[in-house]
PDB file of N, CA and C in Angstrom:
ATOM      1  N   UNK A   1     -27.441 -15.200  12.089  1.00  0.00           N
ATOM      2  CA  UNK A   1     -27.783 -17.113  11.837  1.00  0.00           C
ATOM      3  C   UNK A   1     -26.704 -17.904  11.392  1.00  0.00           C
ATOM      4  N   UNK A   2     -26.650 -18.614  12.386  1.00  0.00           N
ATOM      5  CA  UNK A   2     -25.771 -19.895  12.993  1.00  0.00           C
ATOM      6  C   UNK A   2     -25.218 -20.415  11.533  1.00  0.00           C
ATOM      7  N   UNK A   3     -26.006 -21.107  10.639  1.00  0.00           N
ATOM      8  CA  UNK A   3     -26.156 -21.866   9.810  1.00  0.00           C
ATOM      9  C   UNK A   3     -26.587 -20.940   8.615  1.00  0.00           C
ATOM     10  N   UNK A   4     -25.517 -19.616   8.837  1.00  0.00           N
ATOM     11  CA  UNK A   4     -25.684 -18.549   7.731  1.00  0.00           C
ATOM     12  C   UNK A   4     -23.863 -18.716   7.029  1.00  0.00           C
ATOM     13  N   UNK A   5     -23.621 -19.288   5.886  1.00  0.00           N
ATOM     14  CA  UNK A   5     -22.108 -19.445   5.873  1.00  0.00           C
ATOM     15  C   UNK A   5     -21.979 -17.790   5.430  1.00  0.00           C
ATOM     16  N   UNK A   6     -20.399 -18.277   5.762  1.00  0.00           N
ATOM     17  CA  UNK A   6     -19.969 -16.674   5.620  1.00  0.00           C
ATOM     18  C   UNK A   6     -19.877 -15.573   3.708  1.00  0.00           C
ATOM     19  N   UNK A   7     -19.448 -14.974   3.562  1.00  0.00           N
ATOM     20  CA  UNK A   7     -19.155 -14.127   2.388  1.00  0.00           C
ATOM     21  C   UNK A   7     -18.786 -14.532   1.436  1.00  0.00           C
ATOM     22  N   UNK A   8     -17.183 -14.402   1.622  1.00  0.00           N
ATOM     23  CA  UNK A   8     -16.555 -14.750   1.396  1.00  0.00           C
ATOM     24  C   UNK A   8     -16.913 -16.465   0.299  1.00  0.00           C
ATOM     25  N   UNK A   9     -16.870 -16.952   1.322  1.00  0.00           N
ATOM     26  CA  UNK A   9     -17.205 -19.260   0.989  1.00  0.00           C
ATOM     27  C   UNK A   9     -18.815 -18.971  -0.076  1.00  0.00           C
ATOM     28  N   UNK A  10     -19.178 -18.274   0.055  1.00  0.00           N
ATOM     29  CA  UNK A  10     -20.439 -18.147  -0.962  1.00  0.00           C
ATOM     30  C   UNK A  10     -20.113 -17.515  -2.181  1.00  0.00           C
ATOM     31  N   UNK A  11     -19.564 -16.507  -2.315  1.00  0.00           N
ATOM     32  CA  UNK A  11     -18.647 -15.626  -3.295  1.00  0.00           C
ATOM     33  C   UNK A  11     -17.585 -16.873  -3.817  1.00  0.00           C
ATOM     34  N   UNK A  12     -17.038 -17.479  -3.314  1.00  0.00           N
ATOM     35  CA  UNK A  12     -16.247 -18.458  -4.275  1.00  0.00           C
ATOM     36  C   UNK A  12     -16.940 -19.529  -5.095  1.00  0.00           C
ATOM     37  N   UNK A  13     -18.326 -20.046  -3.917  1.00  0.00           N
ATOM     38  CA  UNK A  13     -19.499 -20.862  -4.635  1.00  0.00           C
ATOM     39  C   UNK A  13     -19.798 -20.044  -5.440  1.00  0.00           C
ATOM     40  N   UNK A  14     -20.823 -19.041  -5.682  1.00  0.00           N
ATOM     41  CA  UNK A  14     -21.528 -18.323  -6.589  1.00  0.00           C
ATOM     42  C   UNK A  14     -20.502 -19.066  -8.478  1.00  0.00           C
ATOM     43  N   UNK A  15     -19.488 -18.571  -7.992  1.00  0.00           N
ATOM     44  CA  UNK A  15     -18.025 -18.429  -8.765  1.00  0.00           C
ATOM     45  C   UNK A  15     -18.054 -19.866 -10.383  1.00  0.00           C
ATOM     46  N   UNK A  16     -18.679 -20.775  -8.737  1.00  0.00           N
ATOM     47  CA  UNK A  16     -19.402 -21.866  -9.925  1.00  0.00           C
ATOM     48  C   UNK A  16     -20.906 -22.285 -10.126  1.00  0.00           C
ATOM     49  N   UNK A  17     -21.532 -21.674  -9.999  1.00  0.00           N
ATOM     50  CA  UNK A  17     -23.085 -21.739 -10.338  1.00  0.00           C
ATOM     51  C   UNK A  17     -23.479 -21.848  -9.547  1.00  0.00           C
ATOM     52  N   UNK A  18     -23.505 -21.987  -7.738  1.00  0.00           N
ATOM     53  CA  UNK A  18     -24.095 -22.350  -6.649  1.00  0.00           C
ATOM     54  C   UNK A  18     -24.121 -21.065  -6.016  1.00  0.00           C
ATOM     55  N   UNK A  19     -25.647 -21.464  -6.283  1.00  0.00           N
ATOM     56  CA  UNK A  19     -26.241 -20.059  -5.793  1.00  0.00           C
ATOM     57  C   UNK A  19     -27.371 -20.401  -4.464  1.00  0.00           C
ATOM     58  N   UNK A  20     -27.592 -21.304  -4.273  1.00  0.00           N
ATOM     59  CA  UNK A  20     -28.295 -21.752  -2.538  1.00  0.00           C
ATOM     60  C   UNK A  20     -27.667 -22.047  -1.982  1.00  0.00           C
ATOM     61  N   UNK A  21     -27.672 -21.567  -1.242  1.00  0.00           N
ATOM     62  CA  UNK A  21     -26.807 -22.163  -0.020  1.00  0.00           C
ATOM     63  C   UNK A  21     -27.272 -22.409   1.744  1.00  0.00           C
ATOM     64  N   UNK A  22     -28.402 -22.822   1.138  1.00  0.00           N
ATOM     65  CA  UNK A  22     -28.998 -23.860   2.373  1.00  0.00           C
ATOM     66  C   UNK A  22     -28.173 -24.949   2.286  1.00  0.00           C
ATOM     67  N   UNK A  23     -28.858 -26.236   4.150  1.00  0.00           N
ATOM     68  CA  UNK A  23     -28.477 -27.575   4.178  1.00  0.00           C
ATOM     69  C   UNK A  23     -28.460 -28.184   2.957  1.00  0.00           C
ATOM     70  N   UNK A  24     -29.666 -28.343   2.184  1.00  0.00           N
ATOM     71  CA  UNK A  24     -29.953 -29.558   1.440  1.00  0.00           C
ATOM     72  C   UNK A  24     -29.039 -29.793   0.134  1.00  0.00           C
ATOM     73  N   UNK A  25     -29.552 -27.383  -0.287  1.00  0.00           N
ATOM     74  CA  UNK A  25     -29.385 -27.581  -1.170  1.00  0.00           C
ATOM     75  C   UNK A  25     -27.625 -28.016  -1.563  1.00  0.00           C
ATOM     76  N   UNK A  26     -27.115 -27.525  -1.143  1.00  0.00           N
ATOM     77  CA  UNK A  26     -25.908 -28.273  -1.163  1.00  0.00           C
ATOM     78  C   UNK A  26     -25.093 -29.340  -0.419  1.00  0.00           C
ATOM     79  N   UNK A  27     -25.996 -29.632   0.210  1.00  0.00           N
ATOM     80  CA  UNK A  27     -25.767 -30.827   0.402  1.00  0.00           C
ATOM     81  C   UNK A  27     -25.811 -31.976  -0.724  1.00  0.00           C
ATOM     82  N   UNK A  28     -26.899 -32.143  -1.543  1.00  0.00           N
ATOM     83  CA  UNK A  28     -27.168 -32.378  -2.831  1.00  0.00           C
ATOM     84  C   UNK A  28     -26.489 -32.003  -4.160  1.00  0.00           C
ATOM     85  N   UNK A  29     -26.206 -30.853  -4.046  1.00  0.00           N
ATOM     86  CA  UNK A  29     -25.019 -29.988  -5.367  1.00  0.00           C
ATOM     87  C   UNK A  29     -23.634 -30.351  -4.679  1.00  0.00           C
ATOM     88  N   UNK A  30     -23.398 -31.341  -3.420  1.00  0.00           N
ATOM     89  CA  UNK A  30     -22.342 -32.443  -3.246  1.00  0.00           C
ATOM     90  C   UNK A  30     -22.364 -33.561  -3.585  1.00  0.00           C
ATOM     91  N   UNK A  31     -24.185 -34.545  -2.949  1.00  0.00           N
ATOM     92  CA  UNK A  31     -24.000 -35.655  -3.856  1.00  0.00           C
ATOM     93  C   UNK A  31     -23.679 -35.423  -4.777  1.00  0.00           C
ATOM     94  N   UNK A  32     -23.937 -34.968  -6.464  1.00  0.00           N
ATOM     95  CA  UNK A  32     -23.687 -34.822  -7.281  1.00  0.00           C
ATOM     96  C   UNK A  32     -22.521 -34.831  -8.179  1.00  0.00           C
ATOM     97  N   UNK A  33     -21.298 -34.581  -6.910  1.00  0.00           N
ATOM     98  CA  UNK A  33     -19.812 -34.328  -7.416  1.00  0.00           C
ATOM     99  C   UNK A  33     -19.049 -35.126  -7.003  1.00  0.00           C
ATOM    100  N   UNK A  34     -19.831 -35.868  -5.688  1.00  0.00           N
ATOM    101  CA  UNK A  34     -19.185 -37.204  -4.888  1.00  0.00           C
ATOM    102  C   UNK A  34     -19.847 -38.348  -4.539  1.00  0.00           C
ATOM    103  N   UNK A  35     -19.137 -39.134  -4.370  1.00  0.00           N
ATOM    104  CA  UNK A  35     -20.030 -40.486  -3.962  1.00  0.00           C
ATOM    105  C   UNK A  35     -20.256 -41.016  -2.730  1.00  0.00           C
ATOM    106  N   UNK A  36     -18.860 -40.595  -2.092  1.00  0.00           N
ATOM    107  CA  UNK A  36     -18.945 -41.045  -0.881  1.00  0.00           C
ATOM    108  C   UNK A  36     -18.746 -39.662  -0.064  1.00  0.00           C
ATOM    109  N   UNK A  37     -19.342 -39.844   1.165  1.00  0.00           N
ATOM    110  CA  UNK A  37     -18.061 -38.684   2.372  1.00  0.00           C
ATOM    111  C   UNK A  37     -18.966 -39.229   3.661  1.00  0.00           C
ATOM    112  N   UNK A  38     -18.580 -38.708   4.688  1.00  0.00           N
ATOM    113  CA  UNK A  38     -19.093 -38.945   6.199  1.00  0.00           C
ATOM    114  C   UNK A  38     -19.152 -37.467   6.241  1.00  0.00           C
ATOM    115  N   UNK A  39     -19.949 -37.283   6.974  1.00  0.00           N
ATOM    116  CA  UNK A  39     -19.661 -36.025   8.230  1.00  0.00           C
ATOM    117  C   UNK A  39     -20.110 -36.467   9.808  1.00  0.00           C
ATOM    118  N   UNK A  40     -19.444 -35.744  10.345  1.00  0.00           N
ATOM    119  CA  UNK A  40     -19.819 -36.242  12.155  1.00  0.00           C
ATOM    120  C   UNK A  40     -19.648 -34.561  12.735  1.00  0.00           C
ATOM    121  N   UNK A  41     -20.661 -35.283  13.557  1.00  0.00           N
ATOM    122  CA  UNK A  41     -21.078 -34.148  14.608  1.00  0.00           C
ATOM    123  C   UNK A  41     -19.717 -34.279  15.347  1.00  0.00           C
ATOM    124  N   UNK A  42     -19.002 -33.301  15.948  1.00  0.00           N
ATOM    125  CA  UNK A  42     -18.037 -33.663  17.108  1.00  0.00           C
ATOM    126  C   UNK A  42     -18.862 -33.427  18.555  1.00  0.00           C
ATOM    127  N   UNK A  43     -18.727 -34.511  19.286  1.00  0.00           N
ATOM    128  CA  UNK A  43     -18.953 -34.674  20.931  1.00  0.00           C
ATOM    129  C   UNK A  43     -18.238 -33.151  21.439  1.00  0.00           C
ATOM    130  N   UNK A  44     -18.713 -32.821  22.896  1.00  0.00           N
ATOM    131  CA  UNK A  44     -18.085 -32.037  23.369  1.00  0.00           C
ATOM    132  C   UNK A  44     -16.390 -31.343  23.124  1.00  0.00           C
ATOM    133  N   UNK A  45     -15.493 -32.408  23.973  1.00  0.00           N
ATOM    134  CA  UNK A  45     -14.171 -32.424  24.320  1.00  0.00           C
ATOM    135  C   UNK A  45     -13.482 -32.511  22.775  1.00  0.00           C
ATOM    136  N   UNK A  46     -14.011 -32.566  21.353  1.00  0.00           N
ATOM    137  CA  UNK A  46     -12.955 -32.818  20.268  1.00  0.00           C
ATOM    138  C   UNK A  46     -13.716 -30.769  19.874  1.00  0.00           C
ATOM    139  N   UNK A  47     -14.653 -31.049  19.977  1.00  0.00           N
ATOM    140  CA  UNK A  47     -15.525 -29.921  19.543  1.00  0.00           C
ATOM    141  C   UNK A  47     -14.309 -28.689  20.410  1.00  0.00           C
ATOM    142  N   UNK A  48     -14.092 -28.441  21.138  1.00  0.00           N
ATOM    143  CA  UNK A  48     -13.656 -27.410  22.142  1.00  0.00           C
ATOM    144  C   UNK A  48     -11.751 -27.652  21.600  1.00  0.00           C
ATOM    145  N   UNK A  49     -11.105 -28.825  21.424  1.00  0.00           N
ATOM    146  CA  UNK A  49      -9.843 -28.745  21.049  1.00  0.00           C
ATOM    147  C   UNK A  49      -9.991 -28.947  19.723  1.00  0.00           C
ATOM    148  N   UNK A  50     -10.567 -28.969  19.005  1.00  0.00           N
ATOM    149  CA  UNK A  50     -10.083 -28.573  17.100  1.00  0.00           C
ATOM    150  C   UNK A  50     -11.043 -27.027  16.569  1.00  0.00           C
ATOM    151  N   UNK A  51     -11.476 -26.526  17.521  1.00  0.00           N
ATOM    152  CA  UNK A  51     -12.792 -25.731  17.281  1.00  0.00           C
ATOM    153  C   UNK A  51     -13.363 -25.326  16.161  1.00  0.00           C
ATOM    154  N   UNK A  52     -14.198 -26.559  16.275  1.00  0.00           N
ATOM    155  CA  UNK A  52     -15.456 -27.279  15.038  1.00  0.00           C
ATOM    156  C   UNK A  52     -16.028 -27.583  15.399  1.00  0.00           C
ATOM    157  N   UNK A  53     -17.628 -28.390  15.111  1.00  0.00           N
ATOM    158  CA  UNK A  53     -18.476 -28.661  15.312  1.00  0.00           C
ATOM    159  C   UNK A  53     -19.016 -30.175  15.196  1.00  0.00           C
ATOM    160  N   UNK A  54     -18.331 -29.963  13.547  1.00  0.00           N
ATOM    161  CA  UNK A  54     -18.801 -30.620  12.048  1.00  0.00           C
ATOM    162  C   UNK A  54     -17.365 -31.018  11.394  1.00  0.00           C
ATOM    163  N   UNK A  55     -17.625 -32.411  11.215  1.00  0.00           N
ATOM    164  CA  UNK A  55     -16.250 -32.963  10.609  1.00  0.00           C
ATOM    165  C   UNK A  55     -16.447 -33.500   8.976  1.00  0.00           C
ATOM    166  N   UNK A  56     -16.822 -32.867   7.825  1.00  0.00           N
ATOM    167  CA  UNK A  56     -16.386 -33.256   6.858  1.00  0.00           C
ATOM    168  C   UNK A  56     -15.346 -34.332   6.068  1.00  0.00           C
ATOM    169  N   UNK A  57     -15.660 -35.432   6.071  1.00  0.00           N
ATOM    170  CA  UNK A  57     -14.684 -36.818   5.749  1.00  0.00           C
ATOM    171  C   UNK A  57     -14.664 -37.162   3.911  1.00  0.00           C
ATOM    172  N   UNK A  58     -14.033 -37.066   3.406  1.00  0.00           N
ATOM    173  CA  UNK A  58     -14.402 -36.848   1.473  1.00  0.00           C
ATOM    174  C   UNK A  58     -12.665 -37.357   1.217  1.00  0.00           C
ATOM    175  N   UNK A  59     -13.089 -38.690   0.296  1.00  0.00           N
ATOM    176  CA  UNK A  59     -11.798 -38.930   0.210  1.00  0.00           C
ATOM    177  C   UNK A  59     -10.543 -39.679   1.007  1.00  0.00           C
ATOM    178  N   UNK A  60      -9.786 -38.338   0.670  1.00  0.00           N
ATOM    179  CA  UNK A  60      -8.207 -38.597   1.722  1.00  0.00           C
ATOM    180  C   UNK A  60      -8.327 -37.069   2.459  1.00  0.00           C
ATOM    181  N   UNK A  61      -9.222 -36.377   1.934  1.00  0.00           N
ATOM    182  CA  UNK A  61      -9.263 -34.711   3.035  1.00  0.00           C
ATOM    183  C   UNK A  61     -10.210 -34.861   3.856  1.00  0.00           C
ATOM    184  N   UNK A  62     -10.063 -33.595   4.354  1.00  0.00           N
ATOM    185  CA  UNK A  62     -11.140 -33.655   6.267  1.00  0.00           C
ATOM    186  C   UNK A  62     -11.444 -32.056   6.181  1.00  0.00           C
ATOM    187  N   UNK A  63     -12.775 -31.606   5.924  1.00  0.00           N
ATOM    188  CA  UNK A  63     -12.401 -30.050   6.367  1.00  0.00           C
ATOM    189  C   UNK A  63     -13.558 -29.979   7.592  1.00  0.00           C
ATOM    190  N   UNK A  64     -13.245 -28.810   8.328  1.00  0.00           N
ATOM    191  CA  UNK A  64     -13.695 -28.318   9.621  1.00  0.00           C
ATOM    192  C   UNK A  64     -14.710 -27.488  10.062  1.00  0.00           C
ATOM    193  N   UNK A  65     -15.467 -27.739   9.961  1.00  0.00           N
ATOM    194  CA  UNK A  65     -17.180 -25.838  10.027  1.00  0.00           C
ATOM    195  C   UNK A  65     -17.046 -26.135  11.771  1.00  0.00           C
ATOM    196  N   UNK A  66     -18.269 -24.627  11.434  1.00  0.00           N
ATOM    197  CA  UNK A  66     -19.042 -24.660  12.901  1.00  0.00           C
ATOM    198  C   UNK A  66     -20.736 -24.969  12.466  1.00  0.00           C
ATOM    199  N   UNK A  67     -20.689 -24.867  10.965  1.00  0.00           N
ATOM    200  CA  UNK A  67     -22.015 -25.551  10.769  1.00  0.00           C
ATOM    201  C   UNK A  67     -22.475 -26.849   9.824  1.00  0.00           C
ATOM    202  N   UNK A  68     -23.228 -27.502   9.811  1.00  0.00           N
ATOM    203  CA  UNK A  68     -23.564 -28.666   8.413  1.00  0.00           C
ATOM    204  C   UNK A  68     -23.095 -27.786   7.207  1.00  0.00           C
ATOM    205  N   UNK A  69     -23.976 -26.786   6.894  1.00  0.00           N
ATOM    206  CA  UNK A  69     -23.993 -25.723   5.502  1.00  0.00           C
ATOM    207  C   UNK A  69     -22.597 -25.575   5.343  1.00  0.00           C
ATOM    208  N   UNK A  70     -22.017 -25.104   6.248  1.00  0.00           N
ATOM    209  CA  UNK A  70     -20.238 -24.840   5.938  1.00  0.00           C
ATOM    210  C   UNK A  70     -19.403 -26.212   5.805  1.00  0.00           C
ATOM    211  N   UNK A  71     -19.610 -27.139   6.149  1.00  0.00           N
ATOM    212  CA  UNK A  71     -18.935 -28.311   5.907  1.00  0.00           C
ATOM    213  C   UNK A  71     -19.393 -28.999   4.216  1.00  0.00           C
ATOM    214  N   UNK A  72     -20.359 -28.936   4.233  1.00  0.00           N
ATOM    215  CA  UNK A  72     -21.119 -29.169   2.614  1.00  0.00           C
ATOM    216  C   UNK A  72     -20.068 -27.982   1.404  1.00  0.00           C
ATOM    217  N   UNK A  73     -20.371 -26.479   2.298  1.00  0.00           N
ATOM    218  CA  UNK A  73     -19.601 -25.591   0.967  1.00  0.00           C
ATOM    219  C   UNK A  73     -18.248 -26.154   0.993  1.00  0.00           C
ATOM    220  N   UNK A  74     -17.809 -26.439   1.752  1.00  0.00           N
ATOM    221  CA  UNK A  74     -16.257 -26.868   2.126  1.00  0.00           C
ATOM    222  C   UNK A  74     -15.748 -27.756   1.192  1.00  0.00           C
ATOM    223  N   UNK A  75     -16.444 -28.691   1.491  1.00  0.00           N
ATOM    224  CA  UNK A  75     -16.065 -29.810   0.485  1.00  0.00           C
ATOM    225  C   UNK A  75     -16.278 -29.992  -1.024  1.00  0.00           C
ATOM    226  N   UNK A  76     -17.337 -28.940  -0.919  1.00  0.00           N
ATOM    227  CA  UNK A  76     -18.228 -28.990  -2.681  1.00  0.00           C
ATOM    228  C   UNK A  76     -17.497 -27.990  -3.195  1.00  0.00           C
ATOM    229  N   UNK A  77     -16.551 -27.076  -2.441  1.00  0.00           N
ATOM    230  CA  UNK A  77     -15.663 -26.058  -2.754  1.00  0.00           C
ATOM    231  C   UNK A  77     -14.385 -26.442  -3.576  1.00  0.00           C
ATOM    232  N   UNK A  78     -13.739 -27.660  -2.676  1.00  0.00           N
ATOM    233  CA  UNK A  78     -12.914 -28.220  -3.205  1.00  0.00           C
ATOM    234  C   UNK A  78     -12.418 -29.208  -4.306  1.00  0.00           C
ATOM    235  N   UNK A  79     -14.308 -30.043  -4.419  1.00  0.00           N
ATOM    236  CA  UNK A  79     -14.053 -30.638  -5.473  1.00  0.00           C
ATOM    237  C   UNK A  79     -14.304 -29.859  -6.583  1.00  0.00           C
ATOM    238  N   UNK A  80     -15.239 -28.794  -6.539  1.00  0.00           N
ATOM    239  CA  UNK A  80     -15.260 -28.361  -8.305  1.00  0.00           C
ATOM    240  C   UNK A  80     -13.822 -27.062  -8.261  1.00  0.00           C
ATOM    241  N   UNK A  81     -13.311 -26.814  -7.589  1.00  0.00           N
ATOM    242  CA  UNK A  81     -12.084 -26.537  -7.736  1.00  0.00           C
ATOM    243  C   UNK A  81     -10.883 -27.420  -8.620  1.00  0.00           C
ATOM    244  N   UNK A  82     -11.140 -28.501  -7.356  1.00  0.00           N
ATOM    245  CA  UNK A  82     -10.469 -29.461  -8.525  1.00  0.00           C
ATOM    246  C   UNK A  82     -10.668 -30.006  -9.890  1.00  0.00           C
ATOM    247  N   UNK A  83     -11.956 -29.845 -10.196  1.00  0.00           N
ATOM    248  CA  UNK A  83     -12.050 -30.308 -11.636  1.00  0.00           C
ATOM    249  C   UNK A  83     -11.964 -29.603 -12.479  1.00  0.00           C
ATOM    250  N   UNK A  84     -11.712 -28.363 -11.987  1.00  0.00           N
ATOM    251  CA  UNK A  84     -10.931 -27.269 -12.430  1.00  0.00           C
ATOM    252  C   UNK A  84      -9.987 -26.905 -13.254  1.00  0.00           C
ATOM    253  N   UNK A  85      -9.325 -26.860 -11.317  1.00  0.00           N
ATOM    254  CA  UNK A  85      -7.647 -27.400 -12.179  1.00  0.00           C
ATOM    255  C   UNK A  85      -6.915 -29.095 -13.068  1.00  0.00           C
ATOM    256  N   UNK A  86      -8.307 -29.913 -13.179  1.00  0.00           N
ATOM    257  CA  UNK A  86      -7.487 -30.702 -13.659  1.00  0.00           C
ATOM    258  C   UNK A  86      -8.066 -30.050 -15.010  1.00  0.00           C
ATOM    259  N   UNK A  87      -8.806 -29.811 -15.745  1.00  0.00           N
ATOM    260  CA  UNK A  87      -9.799 -29.253 -17.144  1.00  0.00           C
ATOM    261  C   UNK A  87      -8.627 -28.378 -17.598  1.00  0.00           C
ATOM    262  N   UNK A  88      -7.873 -27.736 -16.563  1.00  0.00           N
ATOM    263  CA  UNK A  88      -6.749 -26.858 -16.628  1.00  0.00           C
ATOM    264  C   UNK A  88      -5.320 -27.569 -17.468  1.00  0.00           C
ATOM    265  N   UNK A  89      -5.251 -28.922 -16.827  1.00  0.00           N
ATOM    266  CA  UNK A  89      -3.934 -29.289 -17.258  1.00  0.00           C
ATOM    267  C   UNK A  89      -4.527 -30.217 -18.544  1.00  0.00           C
ATOM    268  N   UNK A  90      -5.444 -30.399 -19.001  1.00  0.00           N
ATOM    269  CA  UNK A  90      -5.253 -30.741 -20.160  1.00  0.00           C
ATOM    270  C   UNK A  90      -5.479 -30.319 -20.868  1.00  0.00           C
TER     271      UNK A  90
END
């Protein structure tokens, strides 16, 4: 299935208690951790050039992905890792 997440990405999210990997569940989890983001479906030529179909922009970061769930998962993972890093500093 094209929208299925890579097993390594699923395992990384499971460390943070994320166990549902469908598009809606990942979007809802992402929205719990950020107030704004932009998801763009790339046109044909940029998709070929950048070898991805979706781009998630959030704060000052961009995440290129092959599917919507993958884009949400990548952004969510980055946010969760940032929270843990921030907690470790304090």
